[in-house]
Amino acid sequence: MQNMTLEQLRTTFHAGGLVAACVVANGKRFHVVADTKGGDRVVLVRHSDTTARAFSDPGTALKLLREVGFLTITVDMTNWQPAQGEL
């Protein structure tokens, strides 16, 4: 899995390099992943330290992806644990 900052994600999307986006739950946090035309998967990371950008509210992640330009977004709640404490 590759890492992309928000700026890189926007640029790649507008260049036609991304085909799908997904908000993925992990514990009580959510992360953004996207699929490239080449079949790779990328994760949205923070620009400051390149760790996965975590959202406590999935609506915020959905709004961000909509602002990038995605019209269809999937949500994977397989590992969603809303009552989980911080690790």
N, C-alpha and C. Protein backbone atom coordinates (compact mmCIF):
# COMPACT_ATOMS: atom_id res chain seq x y z
N MET A 1 0.84 -1.16 0.00
CA MET A 1 0.00 0.00 0.00
C MET A 1 0.90 1.24 0.00
N GLN A 2 0.55 2.19 -0.83
CA GLN A 2 1.30 3.43 -0.94
C GLN A 2 0.66 4.51 -0.09
N ASN A 3 1.41 5.55 0.23
CA ASN A 3 0.91 6.69 0.99
C ASN A 3 0.73 7.88 0.07
N MET A 4 -0.30 8.69 0.32
CA MET A 4 -0.50 9.94 -0.41
C MET A 4 -1.01 10.99 0.55
N THR A 5 -0.48 12.20 0.40
CA THR A 5 -1.02 13.33 1.14
C THR A 5 -2.30 13.78 0.43
N LEU A 6 -3.05 14.67 1.05
CA LEU A 6 -4.27 15.16 0.44
C LEU A 6 -3.98 15.83 -0.90
N GLU A 7 -2.93 16.61 -0.96
CA GLU A 7 -2.56 17.29 -2.21
C GLU A 7 -2.26 16.26 -3.31
N GLN A 8 -1.51 15.21 -2.97
CA GLN A 8 -1.20 14.17 -3.94
C GLN A 8 -2.45 13.42 -4.37
N LEU A 9 -3.36 13.17 -3.42
CA LEU A 9 -4.61 12.48 -3.73
C LEU A 9 -5.43 13.31 -4.72
N ARG A 10 -5.55 14.60 -4.46
CA ARG A 10 -6.29 15.50 -5.37
C ARG A 10 -5.67 15.50 -6.77
N THR A 11 -4.37 15.66 -6.82
CA THR A 11 -3.67 15.72 -8.11
C THR A 11 -3.86 14.42 -8.88
N THR A 12 -3.70 13.30 -8.21
CA THR A 12 -3.85 12.00 -8.86
C THR A 12 -5.27 11.78 -9.32
N PHE A 13 -6.25 12.19 -8.50
CA PHE A 13 -7.66 12.06 -8.89
C PHE A 13 -7.96 12.87 -10.15
N HIS A 14 -7.54 14.13 -10.15
CA HIS A 14 -7.84 15.00 -11.29
C HIS A 14 -7.07 14.61 -12.55
N ALA A 15 -5.98 13.88 -12.39
CA ALA A 15 -5.24 13.36 -13.55
C ALA A 15 -5.86 12.06 -14.06
N GLY A 16 -6.87 11.55 -13.35
CA GLY A 16 -7.53 10.32 -13.77
C GLY A 16 -6.88 9.05 -13.27
N GLY A 17 -6.03 9.17 -12.26
CA GLY A 17 -5.30 8.01 -11.77
C GLY A 17 -5.97 7.21 -10.67
N LEU A 18 -7.09 7.70 -10.16
CA LEU A 18 -7.80 6.97 -9.10
C LEU A 18 -9.16 6.53 -9.60
N VAL A 19 -9.53 5.30 -9.25
CA VAL A 19 -10.79 4.74 -9.76
C VAL A 19 -11.84 4.54 -8.68
N ALA A 20 -11.43 4.51 -7.42
CA ALA A 20 -12.40 4.27 -6.34
C ALA A 20 -11.84 4.79 -5.02
N ALA A 21 -12.76 5.12 -4.11
CA ALA A 21 -12.35 5.55 -2.77
C ALA A 21 -13.22 4.85 -1.74
N CYS A 22 -12.63 4.63 -0.56
CA CYS A 22 -13.33 3.93 0.50
C CYS A 22 -12.94 4.54 1.85
N VAL A 23 -13.92 4.68 2.72
CA VAL A 23 -13.67 5.07 4.11
C VAL A 23 -13.67 3.77 4.89
N VAL A 24 -12.57 3.49 5.58
CA VAL A 24 -12.39 2.21 6.26
C VAL A 24 -12.33 2.44 7.77
N ALA A 25 -13.17 1.72 8.49
CA ALA A 25 -13.18 1.81 9.95
C ALA A 25 -12.11 0.92 10.54
N ASN A 26 -11.48 1.43 11.60
CA ASN A 26 -10.50 0.64 12.34
C ASN A 26 -10.64 1.07 13.80
N GLY A 27 -11.24 0.22 14.61
CA GLY A 27 -11.57 0.62 15.98
C GLY A 27 -12.67 1.66 15.93
N LYS A 28 -12.43 2.80 16.56
CA LYS A 28 -13.44 3.86 16.47
C LYS A 28 -12.99 5.01 15.57
N ARG A 29 -11.93 4.79 14.81
CA ARG A 29 -11.41 5.78 13.86
C ARG A 29 -11.68 5.32 12.43
N PHE A 30 -11.59 6.26 11.51
CA PHE A 30 -11.81 5.98 10.09
C PHE A 30 -10.63 6.50 9.28
N HIS A 31 -10.29 5.77 8.23
CA HIS A 31 -9.19 6.15 7.35
C HIS A 31 -9.70 6.15 5.92
N VAL A 32 -9.00 6.84 5.05
CA VAL A 32 -9.36 6.92 3.64
C VAL A 32 -8.36 6.11 2.83
N VAL A 33 -8.88 5.24 1.98
CA VAL A 33 -8.05 4.51 1.03
C VAL A 33 -8.64 4.69 -0.36
N ALA A 34 -7.79 4.60 -1.36
CA ALA A 34 -8.25 4.75 -2.74
C ALA A 34 -7.53 3.72 -3.61
N ASP A 35 -8.17 3.35 -4.69
CA ASP A 35 -7.60 2.40 -5.64
C ASP A 35 -7.15 3.15 -6.89
N THR A 36 -5.95 2.81 -7.37
CA THR A 36 -5.42 3.45 -8.57
C THR A 36 -5.81 2.65 -9.80
N LYS A 37 -5.67 3.28 -10.95
CA LYS A 37 -5.93 2.57 -12.21
C LYS A 37 -5.00 1.38 -12.38
N GLY A 38 -3.81 1.47 -11.81
CA GLY A 38 -2.84 0.37 -11.92
C GLY A 38 -3.10 -0.78 -10.97
N GLY A 39 -4.13 -0.65 -10.13
CA GLY A 39 -4.48 -1.73 -9.21
C GLY A 39 -3.87 -1.59 -7.83
N ASP A 40 -3.09 -0.54 -7.60
CA ASP A 40 -2.52 -0.33 -6.27
C ASP A 40 -3.54 0.32 -5.35
N ARG A 41 -3.32 0.18 -4.08
CA ARG A 41 -4.17 0.83 -3.08
C ARG A 41 -3.32 1.86 -2.36
N VAL A 42 -3.90 3.05 -2.15
CA VAL A 42 -3.18 4.12 -1.46
C VAL A 42 -3.96 4.52 -0.22
N VAL A 43 -3.24 4.97 0.79
CA VAL A 43 -3.87 5.43 2.02
C VAL A 43 -3.56 6.92 2.17
N LEU A 44 -4.55 7.68 2.60
CA LEU A 44 -4.37 9.11 2.84
C LEU A 44 -3.59 9.29 4.12
N VAL A 45 -2.50 10.08 4.04
CA VAL A 45 -1.65 10.31 5.20
C VAL A 45 -1.56 11.80 5.49
N ARG A 46 -1.16 12.09 6.72
CA ARG A 46 -0.94 13.49 7.11
C ARG A 46 0.34 13.98 6.47
N HIS A 47 0.33 15.22 6.06
CA HIS A 47 1.50 15.81 5.41
C HIS A 47 2.66 15.94 6.40
N SER A 48 2.35 16.25 7.66
CA SER A 48 3.39 16.55 8.65
C SER A 48 4.28 15.36 9.00
N ASP A 49 3.70 14.18 9.14
CA ASP A 49 4.52 13.04 9.56
C ASP A 49 4.22 11.75 8.80
N THR A 50 3.45 11.83 7.76
CA THR A 50 3.09 10.71 6.88
C THR A 50 2.48 9.50 7.60
N THR A 51 1.82 9.74 8.74
CA THR A 51 1.04 8.67 9.35
C THR A 51 -0.37 8.72 8.76
N ALA A 52 -1.06 7.61 8.81
CA ALA A 52 -2.41 7.56 8.25
C ALA A 52 -3.28 8.64 8.89
N ARG A 53 -3.98 9.38 8.05
CA ARG A 53 -4.86 10.44 8.55
C ARG A 53 -6.12 9.77 9.10
N ALA A 54 -6.38 9.98 10.39
CA ALA A 54 -7.51 9.34 11.06
C ALA A 54 -8.63 10.35 11.28
N PHE A 55 -9.85 9.90 11.11
CA PHE A 55 -11.03 10.72 11.32
C PHE A 55 -11.87 10.07 12.42
N SER A 56 -12.34 10.87 13.37
CA SER A 56 -13.23 10.33 14.40
C SER A 56 -14.67 10.31 13.89
N ASP A 57 -14.97 11.12 12.89
CA ASP A 57 -16.31 11.20 12.31
C ASP A 57 -16.22 10.79 10.84
N PRO A 58 -16.90 9.72 10.44
CA PRO A 58 -16.82 9.29 9.04
C PRO A 58 -17.37 10.34 8.09
N GLY A 59 -18.28 11.18 8.58
CA GLY A 59 -18.84 12.24 7.74
C GLY A 59 -17.78 13.22 7.28
N THR A 60 -16.79 13.47 8.10
CA THR A 60 -15.70 14.36 7.73
C THR A 60 -14.88 13.76 6.60
N ALA A 61 -14.61 12.47 6.68
CA ALA A 61 -13.86 11.78 5.62
C ALA A 61 -14.67 11.77 4.32
N LEU A 62 -15.97 11.54 4.42
CA LEU A 62 -16.82 11.54 3.23
C LEU A 62 -16.85 12.92 2.59
N LYS A 63 -16.95 13.96 3.40
CA LYS A 63 -16.97 15.32 2.89
C LYS A 63 -15.66 15.64 2.17
N LEU A 64 -14.55 15.25 2.76
CA LEU A 64 -13.25 15.48 2.14
C LEU A 64 -13.17 14.81 0.77
N LEU A 65 -13.59 13.56 0.69
CA LEU A 65 -13.55 12.84 -0.58
C LEU A 65 -14.47 13.47 -1.61
N ARG A 66 -15.60 13.97 -1.17
CA ARG A 66 -16.53 14.65 -2.09
C ARG A 66 -15.89 15.93 -2.62
N GLU A 67 -15.19 16.65 -1.74
CA GLU A 67 -14.51 17.88 -2.17
C GLU A 67 -13.38 17.59 -3.15
N VAL A 68 -12.74 16.42 -3.02
CA VAL A 68 -11.72 16.01 -3.99
C VAL A 68 -12.36 15.79 -5.35
N GLY A 69 -13.59 15.26 -5.36
CA GLY A 69 -14.30 15.02 -6.60
C GLY A 69 -14.96 13.67 -6.74
N PHE A 70 -14.76 12.78 -5.76
CA PHE A 70 -15.39 11.47 -5.82
C PHE A 70 -16.90 11.60 -5.68
N LEU A 71 -17.64 10.91 -6.53
CA LEU A 71 -19.09 10.92 -6.47
C LEU A 71 -19.65 9.66 -5.84
N THR A 72 -18.88 8.58 -5.89
CA THR A 72 -19.27 7.31 -5.30
C THR A 72 -18.16 6.88 -4.35
N ILE A 73 -18.54 6.60 -3.10
CA ILE A 73 -17.57 6.23 -2.08
C ILE A 73 -18.15 5.05 -1.30
N THR A 74 -17.35 4.04 -1.04
CA THR A 74 -17.81 2.93 -0.22
C THR A 74 -17.31 3.12 1.21
N VAL A 75 -18.01 2.46 2.14
CA VAL A 75 -17.63 2.50 3.55
C VAL A 75 -17.49 1.07 4.03
N ASP A 76 -16.33 0.74 4.58
CA ASP A 76 -16.07 -0.60 5.11
C ASP A 76 -16.08 -0.52 6.64
N MET A 77 -17.11 -1.06 7.25
CA MET A 77 -17.26 -1.00 8.71
C MET A 77 -16.95 -2.33 9.37
N THR A 78 -16.27 -3.22 8.67
CA THR A 78 -15.95 -4.54 9.20
C THR A 78 -15.26 -4.47 10.56
N ASN A 79 -14.32 -3.57 10.71
CA ASN A 79 -13.53 -3.48 11.95
C ASN A 79 -13.96 -2.31 12.83
N TRP A 80 -15.19 -1.84 12.66
CA TRP A 80 -15.67 -0.70 13.44
C TRP A 80 -16.01 -1.16 14.86
N GLN A 81 -15.40 -0.52 15.83
CA GLN A 81 -15.63 -0.80 17.25
C GLN A 81 -15.87 0.54 17.95
N PRO A 82 -17.07 1.10 17.86
CA PRO A 82 -17.31 2.44 18.39
C PRO A 82 -17.07 2.58 19.87
N ALA A 83 -17.13 1.50 20.62
CA ALA A 83 -16.93 1.57 22.08
C ALA A 83 -15.48 1.35 22.48
N GLN A 84 -14.60 1.08 21.50
CA GLN A 84 -13.20 0.80 21.81
C GLN A 84 -12.51 2.04 22.37
N GLY A 85 -11.72 1.83 23.40
CA GLY A 85 -10.94 2.91 23.99
C GLY A 85 -9.71 3.20 23.15
N GLU A 86 -9.06 4.29 23.46
CA GLU A 86 -7.84 4.65 22.74
C GLU A 86 -6.73 3.65 23.08
N LEU A 87 -5.93 3.33 22.09
CA LEU A 87 -4.81 2.43 22.28
C LEU A 87 -3.55 3.20 22.55
